[in-house]
């Protein structure tokens, strides 16, 4: 059986500081859209509240602190169109959320 530790501290409305045995991260957002930044990279989550439908995108950290400084840093892999696709998905989900809230 593994023991886990996690503590979430509200810093401001919509901003949390997350502490765990594996490190520290920050979460910004609220219902529908959250962004979490930590040592493992950035995780963006979009969801339609109350539906269980969500989309998550994980971006690895841009630097590789485990590599010695004497070795050249590898170039990050470029994925053409992934940013545009992510922005389009975010805009569609925001539109759906706005329309759903206007119907209530």
C-alpha atoms as a PDB file:
ATOM      1  CA  UNK A   1       0.000   0.000   0.000  1.00  0.00           C
ATOM      2  CA  UNK A   2       1.419   3.394  -1.008  1.00  0.00           C
ATOM      3  CA  UNK A   3       1.052   6.499   1.103  1.00  0.00           C
ATOM      4  CA  UNK A   4       0.162   9.672  -0.749  1.00  0.00           C
ATOM      5  CA  UNK A   5       0.332  13.294   0.278  1.00  0.00           C
ATOM      6  CA  UNK A   6      -1.450  16.184  -1.408  1.00  0.00           C
ATOM      7  CA  UNK A   7      -2.367  19.600  -0.093  1.00  0.00           C
ATOM      8  CA  UNK A   8      -4.166  22.260  -2.125  1.00  0.00           C
ATOM      9  CA  UNK A   9      -3.987  25.846  -0.848  1.00  0.00           C
ATOM     10  CA  UNK A  10      -6.212  28.576  -2.291  1.00  0.00           C
ATOM     11  CA  UNK A  11      -4.042  31.650  -2.931  1.00  0.00           C
ATOM     12  CA  UNK A  12      -6.598  33.862  -4.745  1.00  0.00           C
ATOM     13  CA  UNK A  13      -9.971  33.165  -6.331  1.00  0.00           C
ATOM     14  CA  UNK A  14      -9.153  30.786  -9.168  1.00  0.00           C
ATOM     15  CA  UNK A  15      -5.497  30.264  -8.120  1.00  0.00           C
ATOM     16  CA  UNK A  16      -4.248  27.282  -6.093  1.00  0.00           C
ATOM     17  CA  UNK A  17      -0.873  26.128  -4.875  1.00  0.00           C
ATOM     18  CA  UNK A  18      -0.591  22.322  -4.914  1.00  0.00           C
ATOM     19  CA  UNK A  19       1.871  20.547  -2.610  1.00  0.00           C
ATOM     20  CA  UNK A  20       2.665  16.848  -2.793  1.00  0.00           C
ATOM     21  CA  UNK A  21       5.549  14.546  -1.976  1.00  0.00           C
ATOM     22  CA  UNK A  22       6.618  14.735  -5.642  1.00  0.00           C
ATOM     23  CA  UNK A  23       6.768  18.530  -5.789  1.00  0.00           C
ATOM     24  CA  UNK A  24       4.991  21.836  -6.137  1.00  0.00           C
ATOM     25  CA  UNK A  25       2.600  23.058  -8.843  1.00  0.00           C
ATOM     26  CA  UNK A  26       0.183  25.901  -9.477  1.00  0.00           C
ATOM     27  CA  UNK A  27      -3.343  25.660 -10.845  1.00  0.00           C
ATOM     28  CA  UNK A  28      -5.193  28.591 -12.402  1.00  0.00           C
ATOM     29  CA  UNK A  29      -8.789  28.539 -13.615  1.00  0.00           C
ATOM     30  CA  UNK A  30     -12.219  27.483 -12.596  1.00  0.00           C
ATOM     31  CA  UNK A  31     -15.241  25.647 -13.908  1.00  0.00           C
ATOM     32  CA  UNK A  32     -14.639  24.781 -17.530  1.00  0.00           C
ATOM     33  CA  UNK A  33     -10.972  25.714 -17.952  1.00  0.00           C
ATOM     34  CA  UNK A  34      -7.913  24.999 -15.769  1.00  0.00           C
ATOM     35  CA  UNK A  35      -4.186  25.205 -16.381  1.00  0.00           C
ATOM     36  CA  UNK A  36      -1.711  23.429 -14.102  1.00  0.00           C
ATOM     37  CA  UNK A  37       1.997  24.273 -14.231  1.00  0.00           C
ATOM     38  CA  UNK A  38       4.552  22.094 -12.467  1.00  0.00           C
ATOM     39  CA  UNK A  39       7.926  20.432 -12.885  1.00  0.00           C
ATOM     40  CA  UNK A  40       6.465  17.855 -15.295  1.00  0.00           C
ATOM     41  CA  UNK A  41       5.174  20.545 -17.660  1.00  0.00           C
ATOM     42  CA  UNK A  42       1.855  22.251 -18.293  1.00  0.00           C
ATOM     43  CA  UNK A  43      -1.509  20.511 -18.335  1.00  0.00           C
ATOM     44  CA  UNK A  44      -4.514  22.368 -19.792  1.00  0.00           C
ATOM     45  CA  UNK A  45      -7.960  20.932 -19.167  1.00  0.00           C
ATOM     46  CA  UNK A  46     -11.185  22.062 -20.795  1.00  0.00           C
ATOM     47  CA  UNK A  47     -14.513  20.616 -19.771  1.00  0.00           C
ATOM     48  CA  UNK A  48     -18.206  21.190 -20.065  1.00  0.00           C
ATOM     49  CA  UNK A  49     -19.393  21.338 -16.436  1.00  0.00           C
ATOM     50  CA  UNK A  50     -21.983  18.758 -15.502  1.00  0.00           C
ATOM     51  CA  UNK A  51     -21.476  16.610 -18.602  1.00  0.00           C
ATOM     52  CA  UNK A  52     -18.320  14.639 -17.878  1.00  0.00           C
ATOM     53  CA  UNK A  53     -16.939  15.715 -21.271  1.00  0.00           C
ATOM     54  CA  UNK A  54     -13.388  17.064 -21.124  1.00  0.00           C
ATOM     55  CA  UNK A  55     -10.226  17.567 -23.147  1.00  0.00           C
ATOM     56  CA  UNK A  56      -6.714  17.549 -21.654  1.00  0.00           C
ATOM     57  CA  UNK A  57      -3.479  18.642 -23.310  1.00  0.00           C
ATOM     58  CA  UNK A  58      -0.065  18.058 -21.708  1.00  0.00           C
ATOM     59  CA  UNK A  59       3.034  20.012 -22.749  1.00  0.00           C
ATOM     60  CA  UNK A  60       6.360  18.695 -21.517  1.00  0.00           C
ATOM     61  CA  UNK A  61       8.777  21.167 -19.929  1.00  0.00           C
ATOM     62  CA  UNK A  62      10.931  23.009 -22.465  1.00  0.00           C
ATOM     63  CA  UNK A  63      14.170  22.525 -20.540  1.00  0.00           C
ATOM     64  CA  UNK A  64      15.799  19.239 -19.563  1.00  0.00           C
ATOM     65  CA  UNK A  65      17.382  19.835 -16.145  1.00  0.00           C
ATOM     66  CA  UNK A  66      18.563  16.216 -15.942  1.00  0.00           C
ATOM     67  CA  UNK A  67      21.001  16.747 -18.849  1.00  0.00           C
ATOM     68  CA  UNK A  68      24.481  18.044 -18.005  1.00  0.00           C
ATOM     69  CA  UNK A  69      25.127  21.621 -19.137  1.00  0.00           C
ATOM     70  CA  UNK A  70      28.132  20.528 -21.246  1.00  0.00           C
ATOM     71  CA  UNK A  71      25.883  18.607 -23.661  1.00  0.00           C
ATOM     72  CA  UNK A  72      23.859  20.541 -26.247  1.00  0.00           C
ATOM     73  CA  UNK A  73      20.153  20.732 -25.476  1.00  0.00           C
ATOM     74  CA  UNK A  74      17.994  18.826 -27.969  1.00  0.00           C
ATOM     75  CA  UNK A  75      15.552  20.848 -30.023  1.00  0.00           C
ATOM     76  CA  UNK A  76      11.944  20.293 -28.914  1.00  0.00           C
ATOM     77  CA  UNK A  77       9.835  18.375 -31.402  1.00  0.00           C
ATOM     78  CA  UNK A  78       7.686  20.707 -33.464  1.00  0.00           C
ATOM     79  CA  UNK A  79       4.144  19.710 -34.085  1.00  0.00           C
ATOM     80  CA  UNK A  80       2.761  21.925 -36.793  1.00  0.00           C
ATOM     81  CA  UNK A  81      -0.804  22.987 -36.180  1.00  0.00           C
ATOM     82  CA  UNK A  82      -1.079  21.656 -32.634  1.00  0.00           C
ATOM     83  CA  UNK A  83      -1.341  25.163 -31.137  1.00  0.00           C
ATOM     84  CA  UNK A  84      -3.958  26.201 -33.672  1.00  0.00           C
ATOM     85  CA  UNK A  85      -5.885  22.980 -33.039  1.00  0.00           C
ATOM     86  CA  UNK A  86      -5.749  23.529 -29.263  1.00  0.00           C
ATOM     87  CA  UNK A  87      -6.960  27.125 -29.606  1.00  0.00           C
ATOM     88  CA  UNK A  88      -9.797  26.013 -31.875  1.00  0.00           C
ATOM     89  CA  UNK A  89     -10.869  23.339 -29.374  1.00  0.00           C
ATOM     90  CA  UNK A  90     -10.735  25.872 -26.519  1.00  0.00           C
ATOM     91  CA  UNK A  91     -12.890  28.324 -28.483  1.00  0.00           C
ATOM     92  CA  UNK A  92     -15.442  25.628 -29.366  1.00  0.00           C
ATOM     93  CA  UNK A  93     -15.713  24.475 -25.751  1.00  0.00           C
ATOM     94  CA  UNK A  94     -16.085  28.068 -24.519  1.00  0.00           C
ATOM     95  CA  UNK A  95     -18.823  28.627 -27.118  1.00  0.00           C
ATOM     96  CA  UNK A  96     -20.624  25.453 -26.003  1.00  0.00           C
ATOM     97  CA  UNK A  97     -20.363  26.466 -22.331  1.00  0.00           C
ATOM     98  CA  UNK A  98     -21.693  29.982 -23.063  1.00  0.00           C
ATOM     99  CA  UNK A  99     -24.591  28.626 -25.111  1.00  0.00           C
ATOM    100  CA  UNK A 100     -25.413  26.000 -22.481  1.00  0.00           C
ATOM    101  CA  UNK A 101     -25.422  28.610 -19.690  1.00  0.00           C
ATOM    102  CA  UNK A 102     -27.599  30.951 -21.775  1.00  0.00           C
ATOM    103  CA  UNK A 103     -30.191  28.184 -22.199  1.00  0.00           C
ATOM    104  CA  UNK A 104     -30.668  27.768 -18.441  1.00  0.00           C
END
